[in-house]
């Protein structure tokens, strides 16, 4: 009996879309399109995300971290998957050890490349080890990962700045230490809003925060602006695309001419970012340079205005998210109303289930204090609901 190669059969029939078939004129244009079609963001942060995915890390000095947060099913892992396919890398998870992450990053960050040999050499080419453009993707991060693995927290605490990215690690040889340089752009996602937690304030000032939401939780106005009103969607998943060869093509995007253009702009862009604070300038110089060189933003003025508006939004978002019981309750009610409307039944919120949801939000970090019965009752009353027989109903 002839054996069947199930792996080959599966791979040959896994994908319905080849990446070149959905490729536009260049990678910046394609990436912006893929992002918009892969995830529906509550705010228009697509240009920011596209610029981040295009960062030439081997040229960069300081890069912030791109953080996606939201409830389950909101697509917060989607951009990480897209980035992993663009760069041809594996996605890290909370179960990975520091050693595993370190080894994986080191193996991807440095490559041997072919260069012309010195004059007089027998061979026309020689090989040198050089840093290449790379990114790290860490999915579904739990705050406990940073607490129980301090080395992983160091990876994020120091890995945003090339000048201070050195971590000393023990060698197998007694009395010797090894150096690990952890600098590179990093994308991570979580259901926990790290940017509102005081214990991660050192991480917070190095993050670009991108909230995600399920399609059913988006406002009607936002659905219209995204072109998905009336049930019409253009969604695709990176999992459904055959990305074979994309990483090799993507690695060639930053050719010598484009790199020189990037370096020239990077030297002169700081004075043009007049609307950013000193810390915002520090973490965004490389990002703004990338966005302009790749055509995401037309010039420094457009990048300046965009980033200033983003940080103004982020300041409000971070402050509002610290202890917003009312906002969380309104989010739950909105979802319940959507479900009831779809089922054509009146809105009734079972208190036991409702309280369990609020407790879950507290455990996940969306609320800084566990809501008491009195605070919940006051909040619901202020929204016009009354409790009868264990059920909340609108007055």
Foldseek 3Di string as FASTA:
>chain_A
DDDDPVVVVCVVPQADAALVVQDDPDQLVSQLVQVLQAAQFLDPCSLLLSLLLLFFFLLDFFAFEEEEAADPPQCSCQSVLVSCLQQVADAAELPDAPVRVLVRCVVSQKDWDWDQDDPPDPDRIDIDIGGGADEYEYEADDPVSCVVHVVVVLLQLQQRGQVRQWDWADDPDPPDIDIGRNHHHYYYYHNAPLLQDPVCVSSNLRYQYTYTGHPLLHDQVSCVVSVCPPNRGSHDGPSNYDSPPNNVVSRCPCPPVLSVQLVVCLVPLLVLLVLDDPSLSVNCSSSLSSSCSVVSDVDSNRSSVVSNVSVVVVVVVNVCQNAPPLVVLVSVQSVQVSVCVVVVHARKAQQVVSLVVQVVCVVSHSHVDRDDPVVVQVSLVVVQWDDDPRIIHHD
